[in-house]
Structures are given as C-alpha cells and as structure tokens.
Amino acid sequence: MGIMSSTDLKQESKSENNQVPSKEVRDRLQVFMKKGGCENSYTACVGCDSREDECTEAYSMLEKCMKARFDYFEPYLALKNASAEVMAKEIEVFLHAKPKDRGELLGKFMTRGDCKEAFMAWMDSYEEAKKNKGSLYTPALNTLSKCIEAHSDYYQPLLTVVKNYKEHYSKERIAFLDAWEQAQAEAEG
C-alpha cells in the first residue's frame, strides 16, 4: 500500500511539530539540491505546507527533478526509501500484521474511521499516479492528511507511526548531509 512512501517528500518542508526545519538544515539541503541541479524545485517547497493544494505542484516538480538526476540523488532517494520501510514496519506492529497483509489491514483500519471517503479517493489517485508514473502528491493526499488530523482520536495509532517516521527521517537526513559534506570536503582536497 502506497501510504508508506507517499509522505516522503513532505519532510522537506515540515518537521514533526509542523515547524520548518532549522535554517541550518534548510541551507545544507539547498546546497545539496543545488549541486544536483534541483535548487529551484527545492526552494519552491521550502516553507510550503505539504497539506495545501498549492504545494502539490512544487513537491511534484522536486520529485521529478530528483528522479531525472537519479545518479546524483540515488543515495538520498535510498535514504527516503529506507525511512519508508521503517514506517512500514511500524504500521505492521500497530496492525499486528505480517508484511503481506499490511496493505489489506491498513485499508480496513482506514475505512472503519471517518476518513473512508478521503482514503478511497486517495487510493484512486494513488493507483492512477502509479499507473501513469505520476506524482503521489495530489489534492486527494492533502485531503486525506487533513481528515486524519481532524479525526485524530481514531487515527492516533497511524499519526504516532507518522510522527516516529518523521523523527527517524529527520535524524537520518542530518546524518546523510554530514556524510555528504564530508565527502565533498575530501573531494575538494
């Protein structure tokens, strides 16, 4: 089920408490993005609330830019995928699911709550995006995110997983930037 990876790029602009990352982290990411040719796409995402429809295009452009320059961004995208796997494992724990049953059980959990329609609309847009190799950042994802937050009493286990994912991803992103900067310094001599 795609919900494990669809939130990846959201972390570029918001930390787990909905505040923008520190200026230091933003600046470091901007240098990394600039060297990879995605500075403009990244800059468009800075400060953008990923739950707002107007930011959907900015995230989509950044995603496309990084994929188009895969050789450079591969380690960063691998970090994002590894973080998504951590999230998937945590979802399995809260659902008491085996990996093969995760998607089905998550779907049942989501549709038992008040966000059933938003979830179904997102699933349709997710399947369409997968089929057309499009961006996962759609208005349907934004609507689903807002609905889950509005009904946090029921969706709290999922919100906890997302919070843990964001914390993990934030730490891993900083470690990645540290290693990248060290490699750059060594390469420059």
Protein backbone atom coordinates (compact mmCIF):
# COMPACT_ATOMS: atom_id res chain seq x y z
CA MET A 1 0.00 0.00 0.00
CA GLY A 2 1.42 3.34 -1.03
CA ILE A 3 0.76 5.28 2.14
CA MET A 4 4.18 4.23 3.41
CA SER A 5 6.05 6.14 0.75
CA SER A 6 3.67 8.89 -0.24
CA THR A 7 4.67 11.14 2.59
CA ASP A 8 8.37 11.09 1.89
CA LEU A 9 8.86 14.50 0.36
CA LYS A 10 6.66 16.18 2.91
CA GLN A 11 9.58 16.07 5.27
CA GLU A 12 11.49 18.56 3.13
CA SER A 13 9.44 21.44 4.46
CA LYS A 14 7.96 20.41 7.79
CA SER A 15 9.31 18.72 10.88
CA GLU A 16 7.29 16.52 13.19
CA ASN A 17 5.83 19.52 15.05
CA ASN A 18 4.77 21.29 11.82
CA GLN A 19 7.58 23.82 12.09
CA VAL A 20 10.02 24.35 9.25
CA PRO A 21 13.34 22.60 9.75
CA SER A 22 16.09 24.71 11.19
CA LYS A 23 17.65 27.26 8.87
CA GLU A 24 20.89 25.29 9.09
CA VAL A 25 19.24 22.12 7.74
CA ARG A 26 17.38 24.08 5.03
CA ASP A 27 20.63 25.75 3.96
CA ARG A 28 22.51 22.44 3.90
CA LEU A 29 19.75 20.79 1.85
CA GLN A 30 19.74 23.73 -0.54
CA VAL A 31 23.48 23.31 -1.19
CA PHE A 32 22.95 19.59 -1.82
CA MET A 33 19.98 20.26 -4.13
CA LYS A 34 21.87 23.00 -5.99
CA LYS A 35 24.83 20.70 -6.71
CA GLY A 36 22.36 18.14 -8.04
CA GLY A 37 20.52 20.65 -10.22
CA CYS A 38 17.27 20.79 -8.21
CA GLU A 39 17.75 24.03 -6.28
CA ASN A 40 14.76 25.83 -7.82
CA SER A 41 12.43 22.89 -7.23
CA TYR A 42 13.64 22.56 -3.65
CA THR A 43 13.33 26.31 -2.98
CA ALA A 44 9.70 26.21 -4.15
CA CYS A 45 9.00 23.61 -1.43
CA VAL A 46 10.71 25.44 1.45
CA GLY A 47 8.09 26.74 3.86
CA CYS A 48 5.30 25.17 1.87
CA ASP A 49 2.67 23.29 3.85
CA SER A 50 2.55 19.96 2.08
CA ARG A 51 -1.08 19.56 3.07
CA GLU A 52 -2.10 22.56 0.95
CA ASP A 53 -3.09 22.02 -2.65
CA GLU A 54 -0.92 24.87 -3.97
CA CYS A 55 2.18 22.99 -2.78
CA THR A 56 1.28 19.83 -4.65
CA GLU A 57 2.92 21.04 -7.86
CA ALA A 58 6.08 22.14 -6.04
CA TYR A 59 6.54 18.70 -4.48
CA SER A 60 5.80 17.01 -7.77
CA MET A 61 8.44 19.10 -9.54
CA LEU A 62 11.06 18.31 -6.87
CA GLU A 63 10.26 14.63 -7.09
CA LYS A 64 10.59 14.69 -10.89
CA CYS A 65 13.83 16.68 -10.71
CA MET A 66 15.46 14.20 -8.33
CA LYS A 67 14.33 11.21 -10.39
CA ALA A 68 15.64 12.84 -13.58
CA ARG A 69 19.05 13.18 -11.92
CA PHE A 70 18.97 9.76 -10.31
CA ASP A 71 22.73 9.17 -10.44
CA TYR A 72 23.30 12.14 -8.12
CA PHE A 73 20.21 11.76 -5.93
CA GLU A 74 20.23 7.95 -5.63
CA PRO A 75 21.77 7.90 -2.12
CA TYR A 76 19.25 10.48 -0.91
CA LEU A 77 16.33 8.64 -2.50
CA ALA A 78 17.62 5.40 -0.95
CA LEU A 79 17.55 7.12 2.44
CA LYS A 80 13.93 8.11 1.83
CA ASN A 81 13.04 4.55 0.83
CA ALA A 82 14.78 3.10 3.89
CA SER A 83 12.87 5.52 6.10
CA ALA A 84 9.64 4.47 4.39
CA GLU A 85 10.49 0.85 5.24
CA VAL A 86 10.83 1.83 8.90
CA MET A 87 7.36 3.34 8.68
CA ALA A 88 6.02 0.19 7.02
CA LYS A 89 7.42 -1.96 9.84
CA GLU A 90 5.81 0.30 12.45
CA ILE A 91 2.48 0.03 10.64
CA GLU A 92 2.82 -3.76 10.75
CA VAL A 93 3.38 -3.56 14.51
CA PHE A 94 0.33 -1.40 15.25
CA LEU A 95 -1.84 -3.52 12.95
CA HIS A 96 -0.35 -6.80 14.23
CA ALA A 97 0.15 -7.65 10.55
CA LYS A 98 2.52 -9.71 8.51
CA PRO A 99 4.15 -7.78 5.65
CA LYS A 100 1.94 -9.45 3.06
CA ASP A 101 -1.22 -8.46 4.97
CA ARG A 102 -0.20 -4.87 5.74
CA GLY A 103 -1.98 -3.22 2.80
CA GLU A 104 -5.25 -5.03 3.37
CA LEU A 105 -5.29 -4.43 7.13
CA LEU A 106 -4.32 -0.78 6.74
CA GLY A 107 -7.15 -0.38 4.24
CA LYS A 108 -9.61 -1.88 6.71
CA PHE A 109 -8.32 0.37 9.50
CA MET A 110 -8.62 3.45 7.33
CA THR A 111 -12.12 2.69 6.07
CA ARG A 112 -13.50 1.97 9.54
CA GLY A 113 -12.84 5.58 10.53
CA ASP A 114 -14.40 8.84 9.44
CA CYS A 115 -11.90 9.27 6.59
CA LYS A 116 -13.20 6.37 4.50
CA GLU A 117 -14.21 8.56 1.53
CA ALA A 118 -10.97 10.57 1.66
CA PHE A 119 -8.96 7.35 1.83
CA MET A 120 -10.82 5.78 -1.10
CA ALA A 121 -10.33 8.95 -3.18
CA TRP A 122 -6.63 8.94 -2.32
CA MET A 123 -6.33 5.25 -3.25
CA ASP A 124 -7.87 6.00 -6.65
CA SER A 125 -5.44 8.88 -7.23
CA TYR A 126 -2.54 6.76 -5.95
CA GLU A 127 -3.34 3.91 -8.35
CA GLU A 128 -3.68 6.39 -11.22
CA ALA A 129 -0.33 8.01 -10.34
CA LYS A 130 1.36 4.60 -10.16
CA LYS A 131 -0.11 3.54 -13.48
CA ASN A 132 0.98 6.77 -15.19
CA LYS A 133 4.25 7.13 -13.26
CA GLY A 134 2.94 10.41 -11.92
CA SER A 135 3.47 12.18 -8.66
CA LEU A 136 1.91 10.87 -5.48
CA TYR A 137 1.40 14.45 -4.31
CA THR A 138 -2.21 15.01 -5.19
CA PRO A 139 -5.05 17.05 -3.74
CA ALA A 140 -6.53 13.72 -2.59
CA LEU A 141 -3.46 13.10 -0.41
CA ASN A 142 -3.81 16.57 1.06
CA THR A 143 -7.49 15.96 1.80
CA LEU A 144 -6.69 12.61 3.43
CA SER A 145 -3.96 14.15 5.61
CA LYS A 146 -6.31 16.87 6.82
CA CYS A 147 -9.07 14.35 7.51
CA ILE A 148 -6.78 12.10 9.54
CA GLU A 149 -5.64 15.05 11.63
CA ALA A 150 -9.24 16.18 12.14
CA HIS A 151 -10.17 12.70 13.39
CA SER A 152 -7.04 12.08 15.42
CA ASP A 153 -8.94 10.26 18.15
CA TYR A 154 -9.45 7.24 15.88
CA TYR A 155 -6.36 7.64 13.71
CA GLN A 156 -3.92 8.23 16.59
CA PRO A 157 -2.03 4.94 16.05
CA LEU A 158 -1.30 5.96 12.46
CA LEU A 159 -0.40 9.51 13.49
CA THR A 160 2.06 8.06 16.00
CA VAL A 161 3.66 5.97 13.26
CA VAL A 162 3.94 9.06 11.04
CA LYS A 163 5.47 11.07 13.90
CA ASN A 164 8.04 8.33 14.54
CA TYR A 165 8.80 8.16 10.82
CA LYS A 166 9.38 11.91 10.68
CA GLU A 167 11.72 11.80 13.67
CA HIS A 168 13.67 8.90 12.15
CA TYR A 169 13.84 10.56 8.74
CA SER A 170 14.98 13.86 10.25
CA LYS A 171 17.88 12.18 12.07
CA GLU A 172 18.84 10.13 9.02
CA ARG A 173 18.69 13.19 6.77
CA ILE A 174 21.10 15.07 9.04
CA ALA A 175 23.46 12.07 9.10
CA PHE A 176 23.25 11.89 5.31
CA LEU A 177 24.09 15.59 4.97
CA ASP A 178 27.03 15.18 7.38
CA ALA A 179 28.45 12.32 5.29
CA TRP A 180 27.81 14.14 2.00
CA GLU A 181 29.51 17.31 3.23
CA GLN A 182 32.50 15.31 4.46
CA ALA A 183 32.81 13.58 1.08
CA GLN A 184 32.59 16.96 -0.67
CA ALA A 185 35.32 18.40 1.56
CA GLU A 186 37.57 15.40 0.91
CA ALA A 187 36.98 15.64 -2.84
CA GLU A 188 37.89 19.33 -2.83
CA GLY A 189 41.11 18.49 -1.14
